[in-house]
Every structure is written in structure tokens, then in C-alpha cells.
Protein backbone atom coordinates (compact mmCIF):
# COMPACT_ATOMS: atom_id res chain seq x y z
CA MET A 1 0.04 -0.01 0.02
CA ASN A 2 1.40 3.40 -0.92
CA TYR A 3 1.50 6.32 1.50
CA GLN A 4 -1.12 8.25 -0.44
CA ASN A 5 -3.77 5.54 0.28
CA ILE A 6 -2.76 5.37 3.98
CA PHE A 7 -2.90 9.18 4.24
CA ALA A 8 -6.47 9.04 2.79
CA ALA A 9 -7.38 6.45 5.38
CA LEU A 10 -5.91 8.61 8.19
CA ILE A 11 -7.90 11.65 7.08
CA SER A 12 -11.03 9.52 7.02
CA ALA A 13 -10.35 8.19 10.49
CA GLN A 14 -9.78 11.75 11.63
CA ALA A 15 -13.26 12.67 10.36
CA PHE A 16 -14.77 9.87 12.49
CA HIS A 17 -12.59 10.89 15.42
CA SER A 18 -13.92 14.46 15.20
CA LEU A 19 -17.46 13.17 15.15
CA GLU A 20 -16.89 11.03 18.18
CA GLU A 21 -15.41 13.99 20.01
CA TYR A 22 -18.38 16.18 18.96
CA PHE A 23 -21.05 13.77 19.99
CA PHE A 24 -19.44 13.17 23.38
CA ARG A 25 -18.80 16.88 23.84
CA LEU A 26 -14.96 17.00 24.16
CA TRP A 27 -14.98 20.79 24.48
CA GLU A 28 -16.82 20.44 27.83
CA THR A 29 -14.26 18.15 29.46
CA PHE A 30 -10.84 18.70 27.94
CA PRO A 31 -9.16 22.02 28.82
CA PRO A 32 -7.01 22.30 25.67
CA ALA A 33 -10.22 21.83 23.53
CA GLN A 34 -11.98 24.49 25.58
CA PHE A 35 -9.03 26.88 25.08
CA LEU A 36 -8.79 26.34 21.35
CA SER A 37 -12.52 26.46 20.89
CA GLY A 38 -12.63 29.71 22.88
CA LEU A 39 -10.09 31.24 20.53
CA VAL A 40 -12.61 30.85 17.72
CA SER A 41 -15.90 31.72 19.52
CA SER A 42 -17.31 32.33 22.89
CA ASN A 43 -19.76 29.53 22.03
CA LEU A 44 -17.33 26.62 22.68
CA GLU A 45 -19.41 24.08 20.73
CA PHE A 46 -19.41 26.29 17.67
CA GLY A 47 -15.67 27.00 18.04
CA PHE A 48 -15.08 23.21 18.30
CA VAL A 49 -17.09 22.56 15.12
CA VAL A 50 -15.23 25.24 13.23
CA ILE A 51 -11.80 23.86 14.23
CA ASN A 52 -12.67 20.33 13.43
CA ILE A 53 -14.26 21.11 10.08
CA SER A 54 -11.14 23.17 9.31
CA VAL A 55 -8.81 20.30 10.20
CA PHE A 56 -10.80 17.87 7.99
CA VAL A 57 -10.90 20.34 5.02
CA MET A 58 -7.13 20.90 5.44
CA GLY A 59 -6.56 17.13 5.43
CA VAL A 60 -8.67 16.65 2.33
CA ALA A 61 -6.87 19.53 0.60
CA CYS A 62 -3.47 18.07 1.58
CA TYR A 63 -4.50 14.70 0.16
CA TRP A 64 -6.20 16.01 -2.98
CA TRP A 65 -3.28 18.21 -4.13
CA PRO A 66 0.22 17.72 -2.71
CA ILE A 67 -0.21 14.10 -1.55
CA ARG A 68 -2.19 12.61 -4.43
CA LEU A 69 -0.15 14.54 -7.04
CA SER A 70 3.18 13.78 -5.35
CA TRP A 71 4.30 17.40 -5.12
CA SER A 72 7.76 17.95 -3.58
CA ILE A 73 6.10 19.19 -0.34
CA ALA A 74 4.01 16.01 -0.02
CA THR A 75 6.36 14.06 2.20
CA PRO A 76 6.90 16.82 4.76
CA ILE A 77 3.15 17.41 4.87
CA ALA A 78 2.52 13.72 5.46
CA TRP A 79 5.08 13.72 8.32
CA CYS A 80 3.26 16.69 9.96
CA TRP A 81 0.07 14.61 9.86
CA VAL A 82 1.94 11.69 11.34
CA VAL A 83 3.03 13.77 14.30
CA LEU A 84 -0.43 15.27 14.79
CA GLU A 85 -2.15 11.89 14.73
CA LEU A 86 0.44 10.19 16.90
CA VAL A 87 -0.25 12.86 19.53
CA ASN A 88 -3.93 12.20 19.09
CA GLY A 89 -3.59 8.45 19.01
CA LEU A 90 -1.47 8.36 22.18
CA GLY A 91 -3.04 11.33 24.01
CA HIS A 92 -6.62 10.00 24.18
CA PRO A 93 -5.75 6.64 25.68
CA LEU A 94 -3.33 8.21 28.18
CA TRP A 95 -6.02 10.75 29.13
CA SER A 96 -8.62 7.98 29.54
CA LEU A 97 -6.16 6.01 31.74
CA SER A 98 -5.56 9.03 33.87
CA GLN A 99 -9.33 9.57 34.19
CA GLY A 100 -9.99 5.95 34.97
CA GLY A 101 -12.54 5.55 32.11
CA TYR A 102 -13.75 6.62 28.71
CA THR A 103 -13.03 10.09 27.50
CA PRO A 104 -14.39 11.59 24.27
CA GLY A 105 -12.35 10.47 21.25
CA LEU A 106 -10.87 7.40 22.80
CA VAL A 107 -12.43 4.77 20.50
CA THR A 108 -11.45 6.42 17.26
CA SER A 109 -8.01 7.29 18.59
CA LEU A 110 -7.39 3.57 18.48
CA LEU A 111 -7.71 3.87 14.67
CA LEU A 112 -5.55 6.97 14.37
CA LEU A 113 -2.55 5.47 16.23
CA PRO A 114 -1.92 2.41 14.01
CA LEU A 115 -2.64 4.39 10.84
CA ALA A 116 -0.19 7.06 11.92
CA ILE A 117 2.40 4.40 12.60
CA LEU A 118 1.75 2.68 9.31
CA LEU A 119 2.10 6.00 7.51
CA ALA A 120 5.37 6.76 9.25
CA ARG A 121 6.70 3.31 8.35
CA THR A 122 5.62 3.59 4.80
CA LEU A 123 7.12 7.10 4.43
CA SER A 124 10.38 5.91 6.01
CA ARG A 125 10.51 2.95 3.58
CA GLU A 126 9.72 5.07 0.51
CA GLN A 127 12.37 7.61 1.56
CA ALA A 128 14.93 4.84 2.03
CA ASN A 129 14.18 3.35 -1.37
CA ALA A 130 14.49 6.68 -3.05
CA ALA A 131 17.98 7.35 -1.52
């Protein structure tokens, strides 16, 4: 599987992750989400929606142009998403462990982590083969 397909799967998983966080109201329980949402709007729910739609649209745009078309910037962009989703994929389970139970985003973070690892391994392999 090439990194472009894995990237597309990662962005799709991120969409489901954002939906899980929304339906279980992450902005009400996670201080960083409250802070970021508050930067967008005094209505934290609205701010949260704007941020998550923006992240998804940015991911789709990254896939549709630089990633899919193999622009020179594609690999660095993909690595940025690896870092973002590793933080997401590790952060949610660690937060849930510290809280002693489910926290919004946990279930789908378990999709993000292996996809981010797979993307990192694929990018590393493709870079090694190109050298």
C-alpha cells in the first residue's frame, strides 16, 4: 500500500474521530479543547465545530493536491500529519487511563494510532528506497 492511500485512510479516520469528540462533547471536558474552541468563539461548541471542520478540510486539501499529485512538499506534509495523529492516538488513551474511564475520542484514537504508525513506516521505507 502506498503512502497516499494510507494518508487518505488517516484523514477518513480523523473525520470519524472528530465526530466522536463532537457527539461526546469533548470541548466540555478537555481544557485544551476548551481553550482552542474559545479562541474561535465564545460559544465553545461552535468553536469546536469550526476547528474540526477546518482540520478535516485541510486534510482533504493536503490529500487532494500535494499528496495525491506527489508534489515535492507532499512528504513533509505527510510527516506533519503523522506527528499530529500520533499525539492524538497516544493522548486520548493516556487521558482515559488518567481519568479511569472513557473520555471523548478514545475509541477512534485507536484507529488513528496504528494508521499514523503505518504511514510513518511507509514514508520511511519510501524515503529509504528513493535514496
